[in-house]
């Protein structure tokens, strides 16, 4: 293999991949995000359980309680 063959391979790759990359640059991130959302487990997210919701509501109700009546201002 001569140096001219290697140069031809680089030129051929540039002719093929530069326009292909330019055409796909706006589509590939969308595909990647869709595949990641479908097949990979989400990191940094924890499942919400009923006990967590109840604890949050209790804390929110205590914070929103009226000092005069002790009752919550909201219907929750």
PDB file of N, CA and C in Angstrom:
ATOM      1  N   UNK A   1       0.844  -1.165   0.000  1.00  0.00           N
ATOM      2  CA  UNK A   1       0.000   0.000   0.000  1.00  0.00           C
ATOM      3  C   UNK A   1       0.895   1.235   0.000  1.00  0.00           C
ATOM      4  N   UNK A   2       0.703   2.066  -0.972  1.00  0.00           N
ATOM      5  CA  UNK A   2       1.495   3.295  -1.117  1.00  0.00           C
ATOM      6  C   UNK A   2       0.863   4.439  -0.345  1.00  0.00           C
ATOM      7  N   UNK A   3       1.623   5.496  -0.229  1.00  0.00           N
ATOM      8  CA  UNK A   3       1.121   6.689   0.439  1.00  0.00           C
ATOM      9  C   UNK A   3      -0.036   7.299  -0.349  1.00  0.00           C
ATOM     10  N   UNK A   4      -0.006   7.148  -1.661  1.00  0.00           N
ATOM     11  CA  UNK A   4      -1.089   7.686  -2.490  1.00  0.00           C
ATOM     12  C   UNK A   4      -2.401   6.943  -2.210  1.00  0.00           C
ATOM     13  N   UNK A   5      -2.325   5.627  -1.927  1.00  0.00           N
ATOM     14  CA  UNK A   5      -3.535   4.873  -1.575  1.00  0.00           C
ATOM     15  C   UNK A   5      -4.134   5.370  -0.256  1.00  0.00           C
ATOM     16  N   UNK A   6      -3.289   5.645   0.695  1.00  0.00           N
ATOM     17  CA  UNK A   6      -3.748   6.141   1.996  1.00  0.00           C
ATOM     18  C   UNK A   6      -4.394   7.515   1.842  1.00  0.00           C
ATOM     19  N   UNK A   7      -3.794   8.362   1.026  1.00  0.00           N
ATOM     20  CA  UNK A   7      -4.358   9.693   0.781  1.00  0.00           C
ATOM     21  C   UNK A   7      -5.712   9.577   0.091  1.00  0.00           C
ATOM     22  N   UNK A   8      -5.828   8.663  -0.861  1.00  0.00           N
ATOM     23  CA  UNK A   8      -7.108   8.457  -1.547  1.00  0.00           C
ATOM     24  C   UNK A   8      -8.186   7.975  -0.573  1.00  0.00           C
ATOM     25  N   UNK A   9      -7.824   7.119   0.346  1.00  0.00           N
ATOM     26  CA  UNK A   9      -8.790   6.645   1.347  1.00  0.00           C
ATOM     27  C   UNK A   9      -9.265   7.803   2.220  1.00  0.00           C
ATOM     28  N   UNK A  10      -8.339   8.662   2.646  1.00  0.00           N
ATOM     29  CA  UNK A  10      -8.722   9.825   3.451  1.00  0.00           C
ATOM     30  C   UNK A  10      -9.633  10.770   2.676  1.00  0.00           C
ATOM     31  N   UNK A  11      -9.325  10.998   1.401  1.00  0.00           N
ATOM     32  CA  UNK A  11     -10.153  11.887   0.585  1.00  0.00           C
ATOM     33  C   UNK A  11     -11.543  11.282   0.384  1.00  0.00           C
ATOM     34  N   UNK A  12     -11.604   9.984   0.104  1.00  0.00           N
ATOM     35  CA  UNK A  12     -12.885   9.314  -0.067  1.00  0.00           C
ATOM     36  C   UNK A  12     -13.716   9.373   1.215  1.00  0.00           C
ATOM     37  N   UNK A  13     -13.069   9.140   2.360  1.00  0.00           N
ATOM     38  CA  UNK A  13     -13.779   9.206   3.639  1.00  0.00           C
ATOM     39  C   UNK A  13     -14.285  10.621   3.899  1.00  0.00           C
ATOM     40  N   UNK A  14     -13.486  11.629   3.569  1.00  0.00           N
ATOM     41  CA  UNK A  14     -13.915  13.014   3.765  1.00  0.00           C
ATOM     42  C   UNK A  14     -15.097  13.347   2.868  1.00  0.00           C
ATOM     43  N   UNK A  15     -15.040  12.876   1.613  1.00  0.00           N
ATOM     44  CA  UNK A  15     -16.142  13.138   0.678  1.00  0.00           C
ATOM     45  C   UNK A  15     -17.430  12.482   1.161  1.00  0.00           C
ATOM     46  N   UNK A  16     -17.336  11.316   1.767  1.00  0.00           N
ATOM     47  CA  UNK A  16     -18.525  10.621   2.245  1.00  0.00           C
ATOM     48  C   UNK A  16     -19.020  11.131   3.596  1.00  0.00           C
ATOM     49  N   UNK A  17     -18.131  11.256   4.562  1.00  0.00           N
ATOM     50  CA  UNK A  17     -18.555  11.468   5.937  1.00  0.00           C
ATOM     51  C   UNK A  17     -18.788  12.922   6.325  1.00  0.00           C
ATOM     52  N   UNK A  18     -18.157  13.862   5.679  1.00  0.00           N
ATOM     53  CA  UNK A  18     -18.414  15.269   6.028  1.00  0.00           C
ATOM     54  C   UNK A  18     -19.836  15.670   5.653  1.00  0.00           C
ATOM     55  N   UNK A  19     -20.307  15.426   4.419  1.00  0.00           N
ATOM     56  CA  UNK A  19     -21.717  15.760   4.134  1.00  0.00           C
ATOM     57  C   UNK A  19     -22.709  14.909   4.937  1.00  0.00           C
ATOM     58  N   UNK A  20     -22.374  13.645   5.167  1.00  0.00           N
ATOM     59  CA  UNK A  20     -23.258  12.782   5.944  1.00  0.00           C
ATOM     60  C   UNK A  20     -23.379  13.293   7.384  1.00  0.00           C
ATOM     61  N   UNK A  21     -22.288  13.682   7.980  1.00  0.00           N
ATOM     62  CA  UNK A  21     -22.316  14.232   9.335  1.00  0.00           C
ATOM     63  C   UNK A  21     -23.074  15.543   9.406  1.00  0.00           C
ATOM     64  N   UNK A  22     -22.909  16.377   8.393  1.00  0.00           N
ATOM     65  CA  UNK A  22     -23.631  17.645   8.356  1.00  0.00           C
ATOM     66  C   UNK A  22     -25.133  17.409   8.232  1.00  0.00           C
ATOM     67  N   UNK A  23     -25.523  16.432   7.435  1.00  0.00           N
ATOM     68  CA  UNK A  23     -26.943  16.150   7.245  1.00  0.00           C
ATOM     69  C   UNK A  23     -27.566  15.524   8.492  1.00  0.00           C
ATOM     70  N   UNK A  24     -26.815  14.728   9.231  1.00  0.00           N
ATOM     71  CA  UNK A  24     -27.367  14.012  10.383  1.00  0.00           C
ATOM     72  C   UNK A  24     -27.183  14.733  11.714  1.00  0.00           C
ATOM     73  N   UNK A  25     -26.517  15.859  11.724  1.00  0.00           N
ATOM     74  CA  UNK A  25     -26.202  16.508  13.008  1.00  0.00           C
ATOM     75  C   UNK A  25     -27.429  16.954  13.768  1.00  0.00           C
ATOM     76  N   UNK A  26     -28.508  17.260  13.089  1.00  0.00           N
ATOM     77  CA  UNK A  26     -29.712  17.677  13.809  1.00  0.00           C
ATOM     78  C   UNK A  26     -30.616  16.494  14.136  1.00  0.00           C
ATOM     79  N   UNK A  27     -30.428  15.361  13.488  1.00  0.00           N
ATOM     80  CA  UNK A  27     -31.301  14.211  13.713  1.00  0.00           C
ATOM     81  C   UNK A  27     -30.750  13.231  14.743  1.00  0.00           C
ATOM     82  N   UNK A  28     -29.465  13.087  14.803  1.00  0.00           N
ATOM     83  CA  UNK A  28     -28.863  12.071  15.680  1.00  0.00           C
ATOM     84  C   UNK A  28     -29.136  12.335  17.159  1.00  0.00           C
ATOM     85  N   UNK A  29     -29.033  13.562  17.674  1.00  0.00           N
ATOM     86  CA  UNK A  29     -29.337  13.744  19.103  1.00  0.00           C
ATOM     87  C   UNK A  29     -30.767  13.343  19.457  1.00  0.00           C
ATOM     88  N   UNK A  30     -31.714  13.597  18.565  1.00  0.00           N
ATOM     89  CA  UNK A  30     -33.095  13.221  18.810  1.00  0.00           C
ATOM     90  C   UNK A  30     -33.225  11.704  18.877  1.00  0.00           C
ATOM     91  N   UNK A  31     -32.602  11.004  17.951  1.00  0.00           N
ATOM     92  CA  UNK A  31     -32.636   9.531  17.963  1.00  0.00           C
ATOM     93  C   UNK A  31     -31.972   8.987  19.207  1.00  0.00           C
ATOM     94  N   UNK A  32     -30.839   9.580  19.569  1.00  0.00           N
ATOM     95  CA  UNK A  32     -30.110   9.115  20.750  1.00  0.00           C
ATOM     96  C   UNK A  32     -30.942   9.288  22.012  1.00  0.00           C
ATOM     97  N   UNK A  33     -31.616  10.418  22.146  1.00  0.00           N
ATOM     98  CA  UNK A  33     -32.452  10.651  23.320  1.00  0.00           C
ATOM     99  C   UNK A  33     -33.642   9.702  23.359  1.00  0.00           C
ATOM    100  N   UNK A  34     -34.233   9.433  22.205  1.00  0.00           N
ATOM    101  CA  UNK A  34     -35.367   8.509  22.174  1.00  0.00           C
ATOM    102  C   UNK A  34     -34.931   7.097  22.539  1.00  0.00           C
ATOM    103  N   UNK A  35     -33.787   6.657  22.022  1.00  0.00           N
ATOM    104  CA  UNK A  35     -33.293   5.320  22.368  1.00  0.00           C
ATOM    105  C   UNK A  35     -32.932   5.230  23.842  1.00  0.00           C
ATOM    106  N   UNK A  36     -32.302   6.264  24.363  1.00  0.00           N
ATOM    107  CA  UNK A  36     -31.920   6.253  25.780  1.00  0.00           C
ATOM    108  C   UNK A  36     -33.151   6.221  26.671  1.00  0.00           C
ATOM    109  N   UNK A  37     -34.170   6.969  26.305  1.00  0.00           N
ATOM    110  CA  UNK A  37     -35.392   6.982  27.120  1.00  0.00           C
ATOM    111  C   UNK A  37     -36.108   5.639  27.059  1.00  0.00           C
ATOM    112  N   UNK A  38     -36.004   4.961  25.943  1.00  0.00           N
ATOM    113  CA  UNK A  38     -36.724   3.697  25.792  1.00  0.00           C
ATOM    114  C   UNK A  38     -35.984   2.516  26.420  1.00  0.00           C
ATOM    115  N   UNK A  39     -34.657   2.460  26.291  1.00  0.00           N
ATOM    116  CA  UNK A  39     -33.931   1.248  26.667  1.00  0.00           C
ATOM    117  C   UNK A  39     -33.077   1.355  27.923  1.00  0.00           C
ATOM    118  N   UNK A  40     -32.672   2.539  28.307  1.00  0.00           N
ATOM    119  CA  UNK A  40     -31.763   2.659  29.445  1.00  0.00           C
ATOM    120  C   UNK A  40     -32.518   3.105  30.686  1.00  0.00           C
ATOM    121  N   UNK A  41     -32.078   2.609  31.831  1.00  0.00           N
ATOM    122  CA  UNK A  41     -32.684   2.968  33.103  1.00  0.00           C
ATOM    123  C   UNK A  41     -32.296   4.409  33.433  1.00  0.00           C
ATOM    124  N   UNK A  42     -33.251   5.241  33.801  1.00  0.00           N
ATOM    125  CA  UNK A  42     -32.913   6.626  34.115  1.00  0.00           C
ATOM    126  C   UNK A  42     -32.121   6.708  35.411  1.00  0.00           C
ATOM    127  N   UNK A  43     -31.017   7.411  35.354  1.00  0.00           N
ATOM    128  CA  UNK A  43     -30.222   7.625  36.557  1.00  0.00           C
ATOM    129  C   UNK A  43     -30.713   8.873  37.263  1.00  0.00           C
ATOM    130  N   UNK A  44     -30.389   9.005  38.506  1.00  0.00           N
ATOM    131  CA  UNK A  44     -30.667  10.176  39.331  1.00  0.00           C
ATOM    132  C   UNK A  44     -32.154  10.367  39.616  1.00  0.00           C
ATOM    133  N   UNK A  45     -32.998   9.426  39.247  1.00  0.00           N
ATOM    134  CA  UNK A  45     -34.406   9.523  39.565  1.00  0.00           C
ATOM    135  C   UNK A  45     -34.761   8.439  40.562  1.00  0.00           C
ATOM    136  N   UNK A  46     -35.531   8.797  41.551  1.00  0.00           N
ATOM    137  CA  UNK A  46     -35.954   7.806  42.529  1.00  0.00           C
ATOM    138  C   UNK A  46     -37.465   7.625  42.413  1.00  0.00           C
ATOM    139  N   UNK A  47     -37.950   6.424  42.595  1.00  0.00           N
ATOM    140  CA  UNK A  47     -39.392   6.219  42.514  1.00  0.00           C
ATOM    141  C   UNK A  47     -40.094   6.884  43.698  1.00  0.00           C
ATOM    142  N   UNK A  48     -41.269   7.410  43.447  1.00  0.00           N
ATOM    143  CA  UNK A  48     -42.049   8.057  44.493  1.00  0.00           C
ATOM    144  C   UNK A  48     -43.047   7.039  45.030  1.00  0.00           C
ATOM    145  N   UNK A  49     -43.043   6.859  46.334  1.00  0.00           N
ATOM    146  CA  UNK A  49     -43.965   5.930  46.969  1.00  0.00           C
ATOM    147  C   UNK A  49     -45.065   6.710  47.686  1.00  0.00           C
ATOM    148  N   UNK A  50     -46.097   6.011  48.080  1.00  0.00           N
ATOM    149  CA  UNK A  50     -47.218   6.642  48.783  1.00  0.00           C
ATOM    150  C   UNK A  50     -46.762   7.244  50.104  1.00  0.00           C
ATOM    151  N   UNK A  51     -45.855   6.545  50.782  1.00  0.00           N
ATOM    152  CA  UNK A  51     -45.390   7.076  52.072  1.00  0.00           C
ATOM    153  C   UNK A  51     -44.636   8.386  51.885  1.00  0.00           C
ATOM    154  N   UNK A  52     -43.898   8.524  50.797  1.00  0.00           N
ATOM    155  CA  UNK A  52     -43.193   9.784  50.546  1.00  0.00           C
ATOM    156  C   UNK A  52     -44.188  10.915  50.292  1.00  0.00           C
ATOM    157  N   UNK A  53     -45.246  10.614  49.561  1.00  0.00           N
ATOM    158  CA  UNK A  53     -46.267  11.626  49.277  1.00  0.00           C
ATOM    159  C   UNK A  53     -46.967  12.033  50.567  1.00  0.00           C
ATOM    160  N   UNK A  54     -47.303  11.060  51.404  1.00  0.00           N
ATOM    161  CA  UNK A  54     -47.984  11.366  52.664  1.00  0.00           C
ATOM    162  C   UNK A  54     -47.107  12.225  53.573  1.00  0.00           C
ATOM    163  N   UNK A  55     -45.819  11.894  53.649  1.00  0.00           N
ATOM    164  CA  UNK A  55     -44.908  12.685  54.479  1.00  0.00           C
ATOM    165  C   UNK A  55     -44.814  14.109  53.963  1.00  0.00           C
ATOM    166  N   UNK A  56     -44.748  14.267  52.647  1.00  0.00           N
ATOM    167  CA  UNK A  56     -44.654  15.602  52.069  1.00  0.00           C
ATOM    168  C   UNK A  56     -45.922  16.405  52.358  1.00  0.00           C
ATOM    169  N   UNK A  57     -47.072  15.758  52.251  1.00  0.00           N
ATOM    170  CA  UNK A  57     -48.337  16.456  52.529  1.00  0.00           C
ATOM    171  C   UNK A  57     -48.442  16.848  53.993  1.00  0.00           C
ATOM    172  N   UNK A  58     -47.974  15.978  54.891  1.00  0.00           N
ATOM    173  CA  UNK A  58     -48.017  16.298  56.312  1.00  0.00           C
ATOM    174  C   UNK A  58     -47.123  17.493  56.618  1.00  0.00           C
ATOM    175  N   UNK A  59     -45.918  17.512  56.048  1.00  0.00           N
ATOM    176  CA  UNK A  59     -45.010  18.632  56.275  1.00  0.00           C
ATOM    177  C   UNK A  59     -45.572  19.920  55.693  1.00  0.00           C
ATOM    178  N   UNK A  60     -46.180  19.825  54.510  1.00  0.00           N
ATOM    179  CA  UNK A  60     -46.757  21.014  53.885  1.00  0.00           C
ATOM    180  C   UNK A  60     -47.938  21.526  54.688  1.00  0.00           C
ATOM    181  N   UNK A  61     -48.731  20.630  55.240  1.00  0.00           N
ATOM    182  CA  UNK A  61     -49.884  21.035  56.033  1.00  0.00           C
ATOM    183  C   UNK A  61     -49.431  21.716  57.325  1.00  0.00           C
ATOM    184  N   UNK A  62     -48.360  21.232  57.931  1.00  0.00           N
ATOM    185  CA  UNK A  62     -47.859  21.857  59.146  1.00  0.00           C
ATOM    186  C   UNK A  62     -47.292  23.238  58.860  1.00  0.00           C
ATOM    187  N   UNK A  63     -46.645  23.372  57.719  1.00  0.00           N
ATOM    188  CA  UNK A  63     -46.050  24.665  57.377  1.00  0.00           C
ATOM    189  C   UNK A  63     -47.114  25.693  57.036  1.00  0.00           C
ATOM    190  N   UNK A  64     -48.225  25.246  56.455  1.00  0.00           N
ATOM    191  CA  UNK A  64     -49.274  26.169  56.039  1.00  0.00           C
ATOM    192  C   UNK A  64     -50.345  26.363  57.108  1.00  0.00           C
ATOM    193  N   UNK A  65     -50.218  25.747  58.256  1.00  0.00           N
ATOM    194  CA  UNK A  65     -51.253  25.838  59.296  1.00  0.00           C
ATOM    195  C   UNK A  65     -51.346  27.268  59.823  1.00  0.00           C
ATOM    196  N   UNK A  66     -52.542  27.675  60.026  1.00  0.00           N
ATOM    197  CA  UNK A  66     -52.779  29.002  60.592  1.00  0.00           C
ATOM    198  C   UNK A  66     -52.403  28.991  62.074  1.00  0.00           C
ATOM    199  N   UNK A  67     -51.692  29.980  62.542  1.00  0.00           N
ATOM    200  CA  UNK A  67     -51.316  29.976  63.963  1.00  0.00           C
ATOM    201  C   UNK A  67     -52.521  30.120  64.890  1.00  0.00           C
ATOM    202  N   UNK A  68     -53.603  30.722  64.428  1.00  0.00           N
ATOM    203  CA  UNK A  68     -54.760  30.937  65.285  1.00  0.00           C
ATOM    204  C   UNK A  68     -55.600  29.668  65.415  1.00  0.00           C
ATOM    205  N   UNK A  69     -55.840  28.967  64.307  1.00  0.00           N
ATOM    206  CA  UNK A  69     -56.741  27.817  64.353  1.00  0.00           C
ATOM    207  C   UNK A  69     -56.002  26.485  64.304  1.00  0.00           C
ATOM    208  N   UNK A  70     -54.783  26.474  63.740  1.00  0.00           N
ATOM    209  CA  UNK A  70     -54.044  25.230  63.617  1.00  0.00           C
ATOM    210  C   UNK A  70     -54.472  24.400  62.425  1.00  0.00           C
ATOM    211  N   UNK A  71     -55.391  24.935  61.618  1.00  0.00           N
ATOM    212  CA  UNK A  71     -55.883  24.215  60.459  1.00  0.00           C
ATOM    213  C   UNK A  71     -55.193  24.707  59.196  1.00  0.00           C
ATOM    214  N   UNK A  72     -55.149  23.840  58.231  1.00  0.00           N
ATOM    215  CA  UNK A  72     -54.524  24.187  56.957  1.00  0.00           C
ATOM    216  C   UNK A  72     -55.387  25.163  56.187  1.00  0.00           C
ATOM    217  N   UNK A  73     -54.751  26.029  55.432  1.00  0.00           N
ATOM    218  CA  UNK A  73     -55.474  26.999  54.621  1.00  0.00           C
ATOM    219  C   UNK A  73     -55.981  26.384  53.315  1.00  0.00           C
ATOM    220  N   UNK A  74     -55.408  25.256  52.921  1.00  0.00           N
ATOM    221  CA  UNK A  74     -55.818  24.619  51.673  1.00  0.00           C
ATOM    222  C   UNK A  74     -56.687  23.418  51.973  1.00  0.00           C
ATOM    223  N   UNK A  75     -57.349  22.907  50.930  1.00  0.00           N
ATOM    224  CA  UNK A  75     -58.229  21.759  51.119  1.00  0.00           C
ATOM    225  C   UNK A  75     -57.490  20.438  51.162  1.00  0.00           C
ATOM    226  N   UNK A  76     -56.206  20.417  50.784  1.00  0.00           N
ATOM    227  CA  UNK A  76     -55.439  19.168  50.837  1.00  0.00           C
ATOM    228  C   UNK A  76     -55.088  18.904  52.245  1.00  0.00           C
TER     229      UNK A  76
END
